[in-house]
Protein backbone atom coordinates (compact mmCIF):
# COMPACT_ATOMS: atom_id res chain seq x y z
CA MET A 1 36.82 42.71 -132.77
CA LEU A 2 35.63 44.90 -129.94
CA LEU A 3 37.43 47.50 -127.92
CA GLY A 4 36.29 48.12 -124.38
CA THR A 5 37.16 48.55 -120.75
CA VAL A 6 37.15 45.68 -118.32
CA VAL A 7 34.77 46.75 -115.51
CA ALA A 8 34.56 43.44 -113.58
CA VAL A 9 36.48 40.21 -113.20
CA HIS A 10 34.25 37.41 -111.94
CA ASP A 11 36.82 34.61 -111.82
CA GLY A 12 39.94 33.46 -113.60
CA ASP A 13 38.31 33.19 -116.99
CA THR A 14 35.21 35.52 -117.01
CA ILE A 15 35.09 39.32 -117.19
CA THR A 16 32.63 42.06 -117.96
CA LEU A 17 33.52 44.43 -120.78
CA GLN A 18 32.05 47.96 -121.13
CA ASN A 19 31.97 49.58 -124.57
CA GLU A 20 29.75 51.96 -126.47
CA SER A 21 27.04 49.36 -126.83
CA GLY A 22 26.86 48.57 -123.10
CA GLN A 23 28.22 45.83 -120.91
CA LYS A 24 28.92 42.30 -121.98
CA LYS A 25 29.85 39.32 -119.80
CA ILE A 26 32.58 37.47 -121.65
CA ARG A 27 34.53 34.25 -121.15
CA LEU A 28 38.13 33.82 -122.19
CA ALA A 29 38.51 31.26 -125.00
CA GLY A 30 40.69 28.16 -124.77
CA ILE A 31 41.22 28.24 -120.99
CA ASP A 32 39.41 27.01 -117.90
CA ALA A 33 40.27 28.57 -114.56
CA PRO A 34 39.62 27.02 -111.14
CA GLU A 35 36.22 27.73 -109.66
CA LEU A 36 36.31 30.31 -106.81
CA LYS A 37 35.56 27.53 -104.25
CA GLN A 38 38.45 25.39 -105.57
CA PRO A 39 42.06 25.68 -104.41
CA TYR A 40 43.68 28.57 -106.27
CA GLY A 41 40.32 29.92 -107.58
CA VAL A 42 40.60 33.21 -105.79
CA GLU A 43 44.29 33.59 -106.77
CA SER A 44 43.43 32.95 -110.39
CA ARG A 45 40.79 35.68 -110.32
CA SER A 46 43.35 38.02 -108.70
CA LEU A 47 45.85 37.33 -111.48
CA LEU A 48 43.26 38.25 -114.09
CA ARG A 49 42.18 41.31 -112.13
CA GLN A 50 45.76 42.60 -111.91
CA ALA A 51 46.18 42.11 -115.62
CA VAL A 52 42.96 43.68 -116.99
CA LEU A 53 40.65 45.43 -114.49
CA ASP A 54 39.86 49.02 -115.45
CA LYS A 55 42.04 48.66 -118.58
CA SER A 56 41.14 49.04 -122.22
CA VAL A 57 41.35 45.71 -124.03
CA LEU A 58 40.76 44.37 -127.53
CA VAL A 59 38.59 41.25 -127.72
CA GLU A 60 38.29 38.90 -130.65
CA THR A 61 34.95 37.10 -130.47
CA SER A 62 34.38 33.57 -131.59
CA ARG A 63 30.92 32.43 -130.42
CA ASN A 64 28.48 32.42 -127.51
CA ASP A 65 28.48 29.71 -124.86
CA LYS A 66 25.48 27.91 -123.37
CA TYR A 67 25.25 30.63 -120.65
CA GLY A 68 24.99 33.45 -123.26
CA ARG A 69 28.53 34.68 -122.62
CA VAL A 70 30.63 35.72 -125.63
CA ILE A 71 33.78 33.58 -125.96
CA VAL A 72 36.76 35.75 -126.66
CA LYS A 73 40.47 36.12 -126.92
CA VAL A 74 41.53 39.16 -124.90
CA THR A 75 44.50 41.30 -125.92
CA LEU A 76 46.06 44.07 -123.91
CA ASP A 77 48.94 46.07 -125.38
CA GLY A 78 49.52 43.24 -127.92
CA GLN A 79 49.69 40.55 -125.21
CA ASP A 80 47.34 37.52 -125.24
CA ILE A 81 45.75 37.61 -121.78
CA ASN A 82 44.22 34.13 -122.17
CA LEU A 83 47.75 32.80 -122.69
CA LYS A 84 49.01 34.85 -119.80
CA GLN A 85 46.55 33.09 -117.49
CA ILE A 86 48.04 29.74 -118.56
CA GLN A 87 51.62 31.01 -118.21
CA SER A 88 50.99 32.27 -114.70
CA GLY A 89 49.43 28.99 -113.63
CA GLY A 90 46.03 30.61 -113.34
CA ALA A 91 44.21 28.33 -115.78
CA TRP A 92 44.31 25.05 -117.66
CA VAL A 93 44.21 24.80 -121.41
CA TYR A 94 40.60 23.86 -122.16
CA ARG A 95 41.34 21.11 -124.65
CA GLU A 96 37.70 20.46 -125.53
CA TYR A 97 37.60 23.92 -127.19
CA LEU A 98 41.06 24.00 -128.77
CA LYS A 99 39.55 22.97 -132.11
CA GLU A 100 38.54 26.66 -132.45
CA PHE A 101 42.23 27.69 -132.42
CA SER A 102 44.81 27.65 -135.20
CA LYS A 103 47.46 24.92 -135.13
CA ASP A 104 50.07 27.45 -134.04
CA GLU A 105 47.87 28.82 -131.21
CA LYS A 106 47.15 25.36 -129.96
CA ALA A 107 50.85 24.56 -129.82
CA ILE A 108 51.69 27.82 -127.96
CA TYR A 109 48.90 27.24 -125.40
CA LEU A 110 49.92 23.62 -124.76
CA ALA A 111 53.58 24.50 -124.49
CA ALA A 112 52.75 27.24 -121.97
CA GLU A 113 50.77 24.78 -119.85
CA SER A 114 53.70 22.29 -119.97
CA ASP A 115 56.07 25.01 -118.83
CA SER A 116 53.78 26.00 -115.99
CA LYS A 117 53.47 22.42 -114.85
CA ARG A 118 57.23 21.82 -115.09
CA ASN A 119 57.94 24.98 -113.02
CA SER A 120 55.14 24.27 -110.48
CA VAL A 121 53.58 27.71 -111.13
CA GLY A 122 50.12 28.56 -109.67
CA ILE A 123 47.70 25.66 -109.86
CA TRP A 124 50.59 23.37 -110.62
CA ASN A 125 52.02 24.03 -107.15
CA ASP A 126 49.49 21.34 -106.09
CA VAL A 127 50.66 17.79 -106.65
CA LEU A 128 47.34 16.72 -108.20
CA PRO A 129 45.28 19.80 -109.08
CA LEU A 130 41.63 19.09 -109.82
CA ALA A 131 40.61 20.47 -113.21
CA PRO A 132 37.62 22.79 -113.06
CA TRP A 133 35.58 20.54 -115.40
CA GLU A 134 36.12 17.68 -112.97
CA PHE A 135 35.25 19.88 -109.97
CA ARG A 136 31.99 20.92 -111.63
CA ARG A 137 31.15 17.32 -112.46
CA LYS A 138 31.78 16.21 -108.85
CA LYS A 139 29.64 19.08 -107.58
CA VAL A 140 26.75 18.05 -109.83
CA ASN A 141 27.12 14.28 -109.17
CA PRO A 142 28.53 13.96 -105.65
């Protein structure tokens, strides 16, 4: 666990944390937010900015990704910020990485995504939103 202040929000699932050992670029675990050039990408980043920028957060680290970012669960005042991004329609559940979560956490994240879809919140306002992993694949293989 690390305690630090969020000094930058890059997109809807990546932030920079400042603590006594310096700055770390970190990615929120279990979610995938739209890319900035995708519909709702800027809005997703704004949701995360409103929630955590310049605030002291607790992060629970799990591993590093292929880009060297630490993969974390972010908590602010006892609230799971990763989950909040799903609830607000700012991100998809990143099913490929759910194996790293407990059975209960998986169920909570998936239920939150279902609720967001059902209520047409955020990304789910679009009839057929393009998942970020599909967007990245299309960008690489047009």
